C-alpha atoms as a PDB file:
ATOM      1  CA  MET A   1       0.000   0.000   0.000  1.00  0.00           C
ATOM      2  CA  ARG A   2       1.094   3.553  -0.660  1.00  0.00           C
ATOM      3  CA  VAL A   3       2.098   5.847   2.183  1.00  0.00           C
ATOM      4  CA  ASN A   4      -0.934   8.102   1.906  1.00  0.00           C
ATOM      5  CA  ARG A   5      -3.215   5.062   2.063  1.00  0.00           C
ATOM      6  CA  VAL A   6      -1.499   3.744   5.179  1.00  0.00           C
ATOM      7  CA  ILE A   7      -1.653   7.085   6.982  1.00  0.00           C
ATOM      8  CA  LEU A   8      -5.284   7.711   6.064  1.00  0.00           C
ATOM      9  CA  SER A   9      -6.369   4.167   6.955  1.00  0.00           C
ATOM     10  CA  ALA A  10      -4.589   4.315  10.319  1.00  0.00           C
ATOM     11  CA  ALA A  11      -6.199   7.650  11.174  1.00  0.00           C
ATOM     12  CA  LEU A  12      -9.708   6.501  10.222  1.00  0.00           C
ATOM     13  CA  ILE A  13      -9.336   3.202  12.066  1.00  0.00           C
ATOM     14  CA  VAL A  14      -8.141   4.885  15.268  1.00  0.00           C
ATOM     15  CA  VAL A  15     -11.066   7.325  15.178  1.00  0.00           C
ATOM     16  CA  ALA A  16     -13.503   4.472  14.536  1.00  0.00           C
ATOM     17  CA  LEU A  17     -12.037   2.427  17.397  1.00  0.00           C
ATOM     18  CA  VAL A  18     -12.335   5.327  19.852  1.00  0.00           C
ATOM     19  CA  ILE A  19     -15.984   5.894  18.915  1.00  0.00           C
ATOM     20  CA  GLN A  20     -16.649   2.152  18.984  1.00  0.00           C
ATOM     21  CA  VAL A  21     -15.256   1.682  22.484  1.00  0.00           C
ATOM     22  CA  SER A  22     -16.356   4.926  24.107  1.00  0.00           C
ATOM     23  CA  VAL A  23     -19.817   5.368  22.565  1.00  0.00           C
ATOM     24  CA  LEU A  24     -21.284   2.415  20.672  1.00  0.00           C
ATOM     25  CA  ALA A  25     -20.176  -0.267  23.130  1.00  0.00           C
ATOM     26  CA  ARG A  26     -21.981   1.564  25.964  1.00  0.00           C
ATOM     27  CA  LEU A  27     -25.380   1.869  24.301  1.00  0.00           C
ATOM     28  CA  GLN A  28     -26.583  -1.436  25.833  1.00  0.00           C
ATOM     29  CA  LEU A  29     -28.543  -2.352  22.720  1.00  0.00           C
ATOM     30  CA  PRO A  30     -30.197  -5.776  22.505  1.00  0.00           C
ATOM     31  CA  GLY A  31     -28.176  -8.375  20.647  1.00  0.00           C
ATOM     32  CA  ALA A  32     -25.075  -7.240  18.788  1.00  0.00           C
ATOM     33  CA  VAL A  33     -23.257  -3.902  18.872  1.00  0.00           C
ATOM     34  CA  PRO A  34     -23.053  -1.597  15.833  1.00  0.00           C
ATOM     35  CA  ASP A  35     -19.644  -2.322  14.321  1.00  0.00           C
ATOM     36  CA  LEU A  36     -18.073   0.950  13.219  1.00  0.00           C
ATOM     37  CA  MET A  37     -14.719  -0.761  12.665  1.00  0.00           C
ATOM     38  CA  LEU A  38     -16.323  -3.129  10.166  1.00  0.00           C
ATOM     39  CA  LEU A  39     -17.983  -0.280   8.270  1.00  0.00           C
ATOM     40  CA  THR A  40     -14.690   1.630   8.104  1.00  0.00           C
ATOM     41  CA  VAL A  41     -12.901  -1.400   6.689  1.00  0.00           C
ATOM     42  CA  LEU A  42     -15.686  -1.901   4.146  1.00  0.00           C
ATOM     43  CA  GLY A  43     -15.514   1.714   2.975  1.00  0.00           C
ATOM     44  CA  LEU A  44     -11.751   1.527   2.490  1.00  0.00           C
ATOM     45  CA  ALA A  45     -11.899  -1.905   0.834  1.00  0.00           C
ATOM     46  CA  LEU A  46     -14.453  -0.687  -1.712  1.00  0.00           C
ATOM     47  CA  VAL A  47     -11.920   1.955  -2.810  1.00  0.00           C
ATOM     48  CA  TYR A  48      -8.568   0.161  -2.352  1.00  0.00           C
ATOM     49  CA  GLY A  49      -9.587  -3.279  -3.644  1.00  0.00           C
ATOM     50  CA  HIS A  50      -9.157  -6.768  -2.197  1.00  0.00           C
ATOM     51  CA  LEU A  51      -5.461  -6.581  -1.268  1.00  0.00           C
ATOM     52  CA  GLY A  52      -5.791  -3.157   0.339  1.00  0.00           C
ATOM     53  CA  GLY A  53      -8.950  -4.305   2.088  1.00  0.00           C
ATOM     54  CA  ALA A  54      -7.183  -7.354   3.495  1.00  0.00           C
ATOM     55  CA  PHE A  55      -4.291  -5.270   4.870  1.00  0.00           C
ATOM     56  CA  VAL A  56      -6.626  -2.653   6.334  1.00  0.00           C
ATOM     57  CA  GLY A  57      -8.887  -5.319   7.813  1.00  0.00           C
ATOM     58  CA  PHE A  58      -6.015  -7.144   9.449  1.00  0.00           C
ATOM     59  CA  GLY A  59      -4.604  -3.952  10.968  1.00  0.00           C
ATOM     60  CA  ALA A  60      -8.004  -2.791  12.198  1.00  0.00           C
ATOM     61  CA  GLY A  61      -8.845  -6.178  13.672  1.00  0.00           C
ATOM     62  CA  LEU A  62      -5.475  -6.491  15.405  1.00  0.00           C
ATOM     63  CA  LEU A  63      -5.885  -3.044  16.925  1.00  0.00           C
ATOM     64  CA  ALA A  64      -9.354  -3.999  18.163  1.00  0.00           C
ATOM     65  CA  ASP A  65      -7.960  -7.250  19.615  1.00  0.00           C
ATOM     66  CA  LEU A  66      -5.337  -5.377  21.627  1.00  0.00           C
ATOM     67  CA  ALA A  67      -7.444  -2.399  22.694  1.00  0.00           C
ATOM     68  CA  PRO A  68      -9.164  -2.615  26.088  1.00  0.00           C
ATOM     69  CA  PRO A  69     -11.611  -3.968  27.121  1.00  0.00           C
ATOM     70  CA  ALA A  70     -10.823  -6.872  24.773  1.00  0.00           C
ATOM     71  CA  ASP A  71     -12.019 -10.176  26.245  1.00  0.00           C
ATOM     72  CA  HIS A  72     -10.999 -12.572  23.476  1.00  0.00           C
ATOM     73  CA  ALA A  73      -7.827 -14.077  22.054  1.00  0.00           C
ATOM     74  CA  ALA A  74      -5.566 -11.667  20.175  1.00  0.00           C
ATOM     75  CA  GLY A  75      -5.747 -12.162  16.433  1.00  0.00           C
ATOM     76  CA  ARG A  76      -9.309 -13.434  16.389  1.00  0.00           C
ATOM     77  CA  TYR A  77     -10.941 -10.265  15.096  1.00  0.00           C
ATOM     78  CA  ALA A  78      -7.890  -9.549  12.924  1.00  0.00           C
ATOM     79  CA  LEU A  79      -8.535 -12.790  11.039  1.00  0.00           C
ATOM     80  CA  VAL A  80     -12.218 -11.965  10.660  1.00  0.00           C
ATOM     81  CA  LEU A  81     -11.711  -8.439   9.326  1.00  0.00           C
ATOM     82  CA  CYS A  82      -8.858  -9.570   7.064  1.00  0.00           C
ATOM     83  CA  VAL A  83     -11.156 -12.067   5.345  1.00  0.00           C
ATOM     84  CA  ILE A  84     -14.066  -9.605   5.229  1.00  0.00           C
ATOM     85  CA  GLY A  85     -11.857  -6.812   3.845  1.00  0.00           C
ATOM     86  CA  TYR A  86     -10.519  -9.106   1.124  1.00  0.00           C
ATOM     87  CA  ALA A  87     -14.019 -10.262   0.160  1.00  0.00           C
ATOM     88  CA  ALA A  88     -15.427  -6.726   0.178  1.00  0.00           C
ATOM     89  CA  GLY A  89     -12.548  -5.507  -1.977  1.00  0.00           C
ATOM     90  CA  LEU A  90     -13.549  -7.974  -4.670  1.00  0.00           C
ATOM     91  CA  ALA A  91     -16.766  -5.975  -5.087  1.00  0.00           C
ATOM     92  CA  ARG A  92     -14.795  -2.820  -5.915  1.00  0.00           C
ATOM     93  CA  THR A  93     -15.899  -1.109  -9.108  1.00  0.00           C
ATOM     94  CA  ASP A  94     -13.803   0.969 -11.509  1.00  0.00           C
ATOM     95  CA  HIS A  95     -12.104   3.899  -9.741  1.00  0.00           C
ATOM     96  CA  GLY A  96     -13.865   2.938  -6.492  1.00  0.00           C
ATOM     97  CA  ARG A  97     -17.147   4.568  -7.533  1.00  0.00           C
ATOM     98  CA  PRO A  98     -20.240   2.353  -7.105  1.00  0.00           C
ATOM     99  CA  ARG A  99     -22.875   2.653  -9.784  1.00  0.00           C
ATOM    100  CA  SER A 100     -25.721   2.576  -7.241  1.00  0.00           C
ATOM    101  CA  ALA A 101     -26.262   2.496  -3.485  1.00  0.00           C
ATOM    102  CA  ALA A 102     -27.633  -1.054  -3.629  1.00  0.00           C
ATOM    103  CA  GLY A 103     -24.205  -2.611  -4.155  1.00  0.00           C
ATOM    104  CA  PRO A 104     -22.525  -1.202  -1.021  1.00  0.00           C
ATOM    105  CA  MET A 105     -25.618  -1.949   1.072  1.00  0.00           C
ATOM    106  CA  LEU A 106     -25.561  -5.582  -0.015  1.00  0.00           C
ATOM    107  CA  VAL A 107     -21.880  -5.684   0.851  1.00  0.00           C
ATOM    108  CA  VAL A 108     -22.665  -4.288   4.311  1.00  0.00           C
ATOM    109  CA  VAL A 109     -25.365  -6.883   4.991  1.00  0.00           C
ATOM    110  CA  GLY A 110     -23.168  -9.729   3.769  1.00  0.00           C
ATOM    111  CA  ALA A 111     -20.206  -8.437   5.790  1.00  0.00           C
ATOM    112  CA  ALA A 112     -22.266  -8.052   8.962  1.00  0.00           C
ATOM    113  CA  ILE A 113     -23.597 -11.606   8.717  1.00  0.00           C
ATOM    114  CA  GLY A 114     -20.308 -13.069   7.491  1.00  0.00           C
ATOM    115  CA  SER A 115     -18.216 -11.391  10.198  1.00  0.00           C
ATOM    116  CA  THR A 116     -20.585 -12.558  12.940  1.00  0.00           C
ATOM    117  CA  LEU A 117     -20.569 -16.134  11.653  1.00  0.00           C
ATOM    118  CA  LEU A 118     -16.813 -16.172  11.172  1.00  0.00           C
ATOM    119  CA  TYR A 119     -16.209 -14.647  14.606  1.00  0.00           C
ATOM    120  CA  ALA A 120     -18.438 -17.292  16.218  1.00  0.00           C
ATOM    121  CA  LEU A 121     -16.717 -20.057  14.232  1.00  0.00           C
ATOM    122  CA  VAL A 122     -13.237 -18.941  15.260  1.00  0.00           C
ATOM    123  CA  GLY A 123     -14.484 -18.614  18.840  1.00  0.00           C
ATOM    124  CA  ALA A 124     -15.809 -22.173  18.763  1.00  0.00           C
ATOM    125  CA  LEU A 125     -12.411 -23.377  17.563  1.00  0.00           C
ATOM    126  CA  VAL A 126     -10.663 -21.728  20.524  1.00  0.00           C
ATOM    127  CA  GLY A 127     -13.309 -22.766  23.059  1.00  0.00           C
ATOM    128  CA  ASP A 128     -15.379 -19.557  23.281  1.00  0.00           C
ATOM    129  CA  THR A 129     -19.100 -20.454  23.480  1.00  0.00           C
ATOM    130  CA  THR A 130     -20.482 -16.956  24.078  1.00  0.00           C
ATOM    131  CA  ALA A 131     -22.412 -16.950  20.812  1.00  0.00           C
ATOM    132  CA  ARG A 132     -24.288 -20.096  21.828  1.00  0.00           C
ATOM    133  CA  HIS A 133     -25.481 -18.591  25.091  1.00  0.00           C
ATOM    134  CA  VAL A 134     -26.523 -15.282  23.549  1.00  0.00           C
ATOM    135  CA  GLY A 135     -28.151 -16.838  20.511  1.00  0.00           C
ATOM    136  CA  LEU A 136     -26.464 -16.847  17.119  1.00  0.00           C
ATOM    137  CA  SER A 137     -29.642 -16.062  15.182  1.00  0.00           C
ATOM    138  CA  SER A 138     -30.301 -12.986  17.338  1.00  0.00           C
ATOM    139  CA  LEU A 139     -26.727 -11.799  16.862  1.00  0.00           C
ATOM    140  CA  LEU A 140     -26.943 -12.216  13.090  1.00  0.00           C
ATOM    141  CA  PHE A 141     -30.213 -10.311  12.822  1.00  0.00           C
ATOM    142  CA  THR A 142     -29.269  -7.419  15.100  1.00  0.00           C
ATOM    143  CA  ALA A 143     -25.791  -7.092  13.599  1.00  0.00           C
ATOM    144  CA  ALA A 144     -27.241  -6.818  10.088  1.00  0.00           C
ATOM    145  CA  VAL A 145     -29.901  -4.302  11.194  1.00  0.00           C
ATOM    146  CA  TYR A 146     -27.566  -2.077  13.202  1.00  0.00           C
ATOM    147  CA  ASP A 147     -24.822  -2.015  10.573  1.00  0.00           C
ATOM    148  CA  LEU A 148     -27.328  -1.415   7.797  1.00  0.00           C
ATOM    149  CA  LEU A 149     -28.819   1.547   9.651  1.00  0.00           C
ATOM    150  CA  LEU A 150     -25.389   3.029  10.331  1.00  0.00           C
ATOM    151  CA  ALA A 151     -23.880   2.266   6.904  1.00  0.00           C
ATOM    152  CA  PRO A 152     -25.490   5.140   4.873  1.00  0.00           C
ATOM    153  CA  PHE A 153     -23.804   7.657   7.176  1.00  0.00           C
ATOM    154  CA  ILE A 154     -20.399   5.969   7.398  1.00  0.00           C
ATOM    155  CA  VAL A 155     -19.537   3.995   4.256  1.00  0.00           C
ATOM    156  CA  PRO A 156     -20.112   6.790   1.676  1.00  0.00           C
ATOM    157  CA  LEU A 157     -18.150   9.215   3.883  1.00  0.00           C
ATOM    158  CA  ILE A 158     -15.199   6.828   4.211  1.00  0.00           C
ATOM    159  CA  MET A 159     -15.215   6.139   0.474  1.00  0.00           C
ATOM    160  CA  ALA A 160     -15.303   9.857  -0.355  1.00  0.00           C
ATOM    161  CA  ILE A 161     -12.364  10.574   1.955  1.00  0.00           C
ATOM    162  CA  ALA A 162     -10.374   7.659   0.510  1.00  0.00           C
ATOM    163  CA  ARG A 163     -11.045   8.738  -3.083  1.00  0.00           C
ATOM    164  CA  ARG A 164     -10.056  12.294  -2.293  1.00  0.00           C
ATOM    165  CA  ALA A 165      -6.801  11.117  -0.735  1.00  0.00           C
ATOM    166  CA  GLU A 166      -6.052   9.125  -3.891  1.00  0.00           C
ATOM    167  CA  ASN A 167      -5.746  12.429  -5.786  1.00  0.00           C
ATOM    168  CA  ASP A 168      -2.635  13.521  -3.910  1.00  0.00           C
ATOM    169  CA  PRO A 169      -1.857  17.141  -4.888  1.00  0.00           C
ATOM    170  CA  LEU A 170       1.724  16.850  -3.605  1.00  0.00           C
ATOM    171  CA  ALA A 171       2.413  13.832  -5.808  1.00  0.00           C
ATOM    172  CA  GLU A 172       0.821  15.555  -8.785  1.00  0.00           C
ATOM    173  CA  ALA A 173       2.910  18.690  -8.173  1.00  0.00           C
ATOM    174  CA  THR A 174       6.060  16.588  -7.943  1.00  0.00           C
ATOM    175  CA  ALA A 175       5.194  14.780 -11.165  1.00  0.00           C
ATOM    176  CA  ASN A 176       4.413  18.046 -12.923  1.00  0.00           C
ATOM    177  CA  GLY A 177       7.636  19.582 -11.636  1.00  0.00           C
ATOM    178  CA  SER A 178       9.707  16.654 -12.868  1.00  0.00           C
ATOM    179  CA  SER A 179       8.038  16.741 -16.268  1.00  0.00           C
ATOM    180  CA  ARG A 180       8.623  20.478 -16.506  1.00  0.00           C
ATOM    181  CA  SER A 181      12.278  20.059 -15.565  1.00  0.00           C
ATOM    182  CA  ASP A 182      12.610  17.351 -18.217  1.00  0.00           C
ATOM    183  CA  ILE A 183      11.053  19.661 -20.795  1.00  0.00           C
ATOM    184  CA  THR A 184      13.305  22.526 -19.720  1.00  0.00           C
ATOM    185  CA  SER A 185      16.462  20.428 -19.848  1.00  0.00           C
ATOM    186  CA  GLY A 186      15.437  19.007 -23.197  1.00  0.00           C
ATOM    187  CA  TRP A 187      14.787  22.495 -24.524  1.00  0.00           C
ATOM    188  CA  LEU A 188      18.166  23.730 -23.293  1.00  0.00           C
ATOM    189  CA  SER A 189      20.105  20.804 -24.677  1.00  0.00           C
ATOM    190  CA  GLY A 190      18.061  20.054 -27.753  1.00  0.00           C
ATOM    191  CA  GLY A 191      17.014  23.568 -28.714  1.00  0.00           C
ATOM    192  CA  THR A 192      19.224  26.357 -27.468  1.00  0.00           C
ATOM    193  CA  GLY A 193      22.473  24.424 -27.392  1.00  0.00           C
ATOM    194  CA  LEU A 194      22.104  23.210 -30.925  1.00  0.00           C
ATOM    195  CA  ARG A 195      21.192  26.630 -32.174  1.00  0.00           C
ATOM    196  CA  ILE A 196      24.188  28.217 -30.515  1.00  0.00           C
ATOM    197  CA  GLY A 197      26.426  25.463 -31.852  1.00  0.00           C
ATOM    198  CA  GLY A 198      24.941  25.903 -35.306  1.00  0.00           C
ATOM    199  CA  GLN A 199      25.479  29.631 -35.194  1.00  0.00           C
ATOM    200  CA  ARG A 200      29.088  29.189 -34.099  1.00  0.00           C
ATOM    201  CA  GLY A 201      29.675  26.613 -36.844  1.00  0.00           C
ATOM    202  CA  GLY A 202      28.154  28.980 -39.402  1.00  0.00           C
ATOM    203  CA  LEU A 203      30.400  31.818 -38.285  1.00  0.00           C
ATOM    204  CA  ARG A 204      33.461  29.597 -38.589  1.00  0.00           C
ATOM    205  CA  VAL A 205      32.503  28.488 -42.100  1.00  0.00           C
ATOM    206  CA  LYS A 206      31.844  32.097 -43.139  1.00  0.00           C
ATOM    207  CA  ALA A 207      35.230  33.222 -41.752  1.00  0.00           C
ATOM    208  CA  ALA A 208      36.973  30.398 -43.645  1.00  0.00           C
ATOM    209  CA  LYS A 209      35.231  31.413 -46.864  1.00  0.00           C
ATOM    210  CA  ASN A 210      36.267  35.021 -46.346  1.00  0.00           C
ATOM    211  CA  ARG A 211      39.893  33.995 -45.804  1.00  0.00           C
ATOM    212  CA  ALA A 212      39.811  31.845 -48.951  1.00  0.00           C
ATOM    213  CA  ALA A 213      38.325  34.697 -50.972  1.00  0.00           C
ATOM    214  CA  ARG A 214      41.017  37.109 -49.732  1.00  0.00           C
ATOM    215  CA  ALA A 215      43.740  34.612 -50.561  1.00  0.00           C
ATOM    216  CA  GLY A 216      42.277  34.195 -54.069  1.00  0.00           C
ATOM    217  CA  ARG A 217      42.231  37.948 -54.644  1.00  0.00           C
ATOM    218  CA  ILE A 218      45.794  38.337 -53.396  1.00  0.00           C
ATOM    219  CA  LYS A 219      46.978  35.548 -55.701  1.00  0.00           C
ATOM    220  CA  GLY A 220      45.148  37.186 -58.617  1.00  0.00           C
ATOM    221  CA  VAL A 221      46.873  40.513 -57.973  1.00  0.00           C
ATOM    222  CA  LYS A 222      50.265  38.867 -57.772  1.00  0.00           C
ATOM    223  CA  ARG A 223      49.693  37.072 -61.122  1.00  0.00           C
ATOM    224  CA  LEU A 224      48.839  40.396 -62.758  1.00  0.00           C
END
Protein backbone atom coordinates (compact mmCIF):
# COMPACT_ATOMS: atom_id res chain seq x y z
CA MET A 1 0.00 0.00 0.00
CA ARG A 2 1.09 3.55 -0.66
CA VAL A 3 2.10 5.85 2.18
CA ASN A 4 -0.93 8.10 1.91
CA ARG A 5 -3.22 5.06 2.06
CA VAL A 6 -1.50 3.74 5.18
CA ILE A 7 -1.65 7.08 6.98
CA LEU A 8 -5.28 7.71 6.06
CA SER A 9 -6.37 4.17 6.95
CA ALA A 10 -4.59 4.31 10.32
CA ALA A 11 -6.20 7.65 11.17
CA LEU A 12 -9.71 6.50 10.22
CA ILE A 13 -9.34 3.20 12.07
CA VAL A 14 -8.14 4.88 15.27
CA VAL A 15 -11.07 7.33 15.18
CA ALA A 16 -13.50 4.47 14.54
CA LEU A 17 -12.04 2.43 17.40
CA VAL A 18 -12.34 5.33 19.85
CA ILE A 19 -15.98 5.89 18.91
CA GLN A 20 -16.65 2.15 18.98
CA VAL A 21 -15.26 1.68 22.48
CA SER A 22 -16.36 4.93 24.11
CA VAL A 23 -19.82 5.37 22.56
CA LEU A 24 -21.28 2.42 20.67
CA ALA A 25 -20.18 -0.27 23.13
CA ARG A 26 -21.98 1.56 25.96
CA LEU A 27 -25.38 1.87 24.30
CA GLN A 28 -26.58 -1.44 25.83
CA LEU A 29 -28.54 -2.35 22.72
CA PRO A 30 -30.20 -5.78 22.51
CA GLY A 31 -28.18 -8.38 20.65
CA ALA A 32 -25.07 -7.24 18.79
CA VAL A 33 -23.26 -3.90 18.87
CA PRO A 34 -23.05 -1.60 15.83
CA ASP A 35 -19.64 -2.32 14.32
CA LEU A 36 -18.07 0.95 13.22
CA MET A 37 -14.72 -0.76 12.67
CA LEU A 38 -16.32 -3.13 10.17
CA LEU A 39 -17.98 -0.28 8.27
CA THR A 40 -14.69 1.63 8.10
CA VAL A 41 -12.90 -1.40 6.69
CA LEU A 42 -15.69 -1.90 4.15
CA GLY A 43 -15.51 1.71 2.98
CA LEU A 44 -11.75 1.53 2.49
CA ALA A 45 -11.90 -1.90 0.83
CA LEU A 46 -14.45 -0.69 -1.71
CA VAL A 47 -11.92 1.95 -2.81
CA TYR A 48 -8.57 0.16 -2.35
CA GLY A 49 -9.59 -3.28 -3.64
CA HIS A 50 -9.16 -6.77 -2.20
CA LEU A 51 -5.46 -6.58 -1.27
CA GLY A 52 -5.79 -3.16 0.34
CA GLY A 53 -8.95 -4.31 2.09
CA ALA A 54 -7.18 -7.35 3.49
CA PHE A 55 -4.29 -5.27 4.87
CA VAL A 56 -6.63 -2.65 6.33
CA GLY A 57 -8.89 -5.32 7.81
CA PHE A 58 -6.02 -7.14 9.45
CA GLY A 59 -4.60 -3.95 10.97
CA ALA A 60 -8.00 -2.79 12.20
CA GLY A 61 -8.84 -6.18 13.67
CA LEU A 62 -5.47 -6.49 15.40
CA LEU A 63 -5.88 -3.04 16.92
CA ALA A 64 -9.35 -4.00 18.16
CA ASP A 65 -7.96 -7.25 19.61
CA LEU A 66 -5.34 -5.38 21.63
CA ALA A 67 -7.44 -2.40 22.69
CA PRO A 68 -9.16 -2.62 26.09
CA PRO A 69 -11.61 -3.97 27.12
CA ALA A 70 -10.82 -6.87 24.77
CA ASP A 71 -12.02 -10.18 26.24
CA HIS A 72 -11.00 -12.57 23.48
CA ALA A 73 -7.83 -14.08 22.05
CA ALA A 74 -5.57 -11.67 20.17
CA GLY A 75 -5.75 -12.16 16.43
CA ARG A 76 -9.31 -13.43 16.39
CA TYR A 77 -10.94 -10.26 15.10
CA ALA A 78 -7.89 -9.55 12.92
CA LEU A 79 -8.54 -12.79 11.04
CA VAL A 80 -12.22 -11.97 10.66
CA LEU A 81 -11.71 -8.44 9.33
CA CYS A 82 -8.86 -9.57 7.06
CA VAL A 83 -11.16 -12.07 5.34
CA ILE A 84 -14.07 -9.61 5.23
CA GLY A 85 -11.86 -6.81 3.84
CA TYR A 86 -10.52 -9.11 1.12
CA ALA A 87 -14.02 -10.26 0.16
CA ALA A 88 -15.43 -6.73 0.18
CA GLY A 89 -12.55 -5.51 -1.98
CA LEU A 90 -13.55 -7.97 -4.67
CA ALA A 91 -16.77 -5.97 -5.09
CA ARG A 92 -14.79 -2.82 -5.91
CA THR A 93 -15.90 -1.11 -9.11
CA ASP A 94 -13.80 0.97 -11.51
CA HIS A 95 -12.10 3.90 -9.74
CA GLY A 96 -13.87 2.94 -6.49
CA ARG A 97 -17.15 4.57 -7.53
CA PRO A 98 -20.24 2.35 -7.11
CA ARG A 99 -22.87 2.65 -9.78
CA SER A 100 -25.72 2.58 -7.24
CA ALA A 101 -26.26 2.50 -3.48
CA ALA A 102 -27.63 -1.05 -3.63
CA GLY A 103 -24.20 -2.61 -4.15
CA PRO A 104 -22.52 -1.20 -1.02
CA MET A 105 -25.62 -1.95 1.07
CA LEU A 106 -25.56 -5.58 -0.01
CA VAL A 107 -21.88 -5.68 0.85
CA VAL A 108 -22.67 -4.29 4.31
CA VAL A 109 -25.36 -6.88 4.99
CA GLY A 110 -23.17 -9.73 3.77
CA ALA A 111 -20.21 -8.44 5.79
CA ALA A 112 -22.27 -8.05 8.96
CA ILE A 113 -23.60 -11.61 8.72
CA GLY A 114 -20.31 -13.07 7.49
CA SER A 115 -18.22 -11.39 10.20
CA THR A 116 -20.59 -12.56 12.94
CA LEU A 117 -20.57 -16.13 11.65
CA LEU A 118 -16.81 -16.17 11.17
CA TYR A 119 -16.21 -14.65 14.61
CA ALA A 120 -18.44 -17.29 16.22
CA LEU A 121 -16.72 -20.06 14.23
CA VAL A 122 -13.24 -18.94 15.26
CA GLY A 123 -14.48 -18.61 18.84
CA ALA A 124 -15.81 -22.17 18.76
CA LEU A 125 -12.41 -23.38 17.56
CA VAL A 126 -10.66 -21.73 20.52
CA GLY A 127 -13.31 -22.77 23.06
CA ASP A 128 -15.38 -19.56 23.28
CA THR A 129 -19.10 -20.45 23.48
CA THR A 130 -20.48 -16.96 24.08
CA ALA A 131 -22.41 -16.95 20.81
CA ARG A 132 -24.29 -20.10 21.83
CA HIS A 133 -25.48 -18.59 25.09
CA VAL A 134 -26.52 -15.28 23.55
CA GLY A 135 -28.15 -16.84 20.51
CA LEU A 136 -26.46 -16.85 17.12
CA SER A 137 -29.64 -16.06 15.18
CA SER A 138 -30.30 -12.99 17.34
CA LEU A 139 -26.73 -11.80 16.86
CA LEU A 140 -26.94 -12.22 13.09
CA PHE A 141 -30.21 -10.31 12.82
CA THR A 142 -29.27 -7.42 15.10
CA ALA A 143 -25.79 -7.09 13.60
CA ALA A 144 -27.24 -6.82 10.09
CA VAL A 145 -29.90 -4.30 11.19
CA TYR A 146 -27.57 -2.08 13.20
CA ASP A 147 -24.82 -2.02 10.57
CA LEU A 148 -27.33 -1.41 7.80
CA LEU A 149 -28.82 1.55 9.65
CA LEU A 150 -25.39 3.03 10.33
CA ALA A 151 -23.88 2.27 6.90
CA PRO A 152 -25.49 5.14 4.87
CA PHE A 153 -23.80 7.66 7.18
CA ILE A 154 -20.40 5.97 7.40
CA VAL A 155 -19.54 3.99 4.26
CA PRO A 156 -20.11 6.79 1.68
CA LEU A 157 -18.15 9.21 3.88
CA ILE A 158 -15.20 6.83 4.21
CA MET A 159 -15.22 6.14 0.47
CA ALA A 160 -15.30 9.86 -0.35
CA ILE A 161 -12.36 10.57 1.96
CA ALA A 162 -10.37 7.66 0.51
CA ARG A 163 -11.04 8.74 -3.08
CA ARG A 164 -10.06 12.29 -2.29
CA ALA A 165 -6.80 11.12 -0.73
CA GLU A 166 -6.05 9.13 -3.89
CA ASN A 167 -5.75 12.43 -5.79
CA ASP A 168 -2.63 13.52 -3.91
CA PRO A 169 -1.86 17.14 -4.89
CA LEU A 170 1.72 16.85 -3.61
CA ALA A 171 2.41 13.83 -5.81
CA GLU A 172 0.82 15.55 -8.79
CA ALA A 173 2.91 18.69 -8.17
CA THR A 174 6.06 16.59 -7.94
CA ALA A 175 5.19 14.78 -11.17
CA ASN A 176 4.41 18.05 -12.92
CA GLY A 177 7.64 19.58 -11.64
CA SER A 178 9.71 16.65 -12.87
CA SER A 179 8.04 16.74 -16.27
CA ARG A 180 8.62 20.48 -16.51
CA SER A 181 12.28 20.06 -15.56
CA ASP A 182 12.61 17.35 -18.22
CA ILE A 183 11.05 19.66 -20.80
CA THR A 184 13.30 22.53 -19.72
CA SER A 185 16.46 20.43 -19.85
CA GLY A 186 15.44 19.01 -23.20
CA TRP A 187 14.79 22.49 -24.52
CA LEU A 188 18.17 23.73 -23.29
CA SER A 189 20.10 20.80 -24.68
CA GLY A 190 18.06 20.05 -27.75
CA GLY A 191 17.01 23.57 -28.71
CA THR A 192 19.22 26.36 -27.47
CA GLY A 193 22.47 24.42 -27.39
CA LEU A 194 22.10 23.21 -30.92
CA ARG A 195 21.19 26.63 -32.17
CA ILE A 196 24.19 28.22 -30.51
CA GLY A 197 26.43 25.46 -31.85
CA GLY A 198 24.94 25.90 -35.31
CA GLN A 199 25.48 29.63 -35.19
CA ARG A 200 29.09 29.19 -34.10
CA GLY A 201 29.67 26.61 -36.84
CA GLY A 202 28.15 28.98 -39.40
CA LEU A 203 30.40 31.82 -38.29
CA ARG A 204 33.46 29.60 -38.59
CA VAL A 205 32.50 28.49 -42.10
CA LYS A 206 31.84 32.10 -43.14
CA ALA A 207 35.23 33.22 -41.75
CA ALA A 208 36.97 30.40 -43.65
CA LYS A 209 35.23 31.41 -46.86
CA ASN A 210 36.27 35.02 -46.35
CA ARG A 211 39.89 33.99 -45.80
CA ALA A 212 39.81 31.84 -48.95
CA ALA A 213 38.33 34.70 -50.97
CA ARG A 214 41.02 37.11 -49.73
CA ALA A 215 43.74 34.61 -50.56
CA GLY A 216 42.28 34.19 -54.07
CA ARG A 217 42.23 37.95 -54.64
CA ILE A 218 45.79 38.34 -53.40
CA LYS A 219 46.98 35.55 -55.70
CA GLY A 220 45.15 37.19 -58.62
CA VAL A 221 46.87 40.51 -57.97
CA LYS A 222 50.27 38.87 -57.77
CA ARG A 223 49.69 37.07 -61.12
CA LEU A 224 48.84 40.40 -62.76
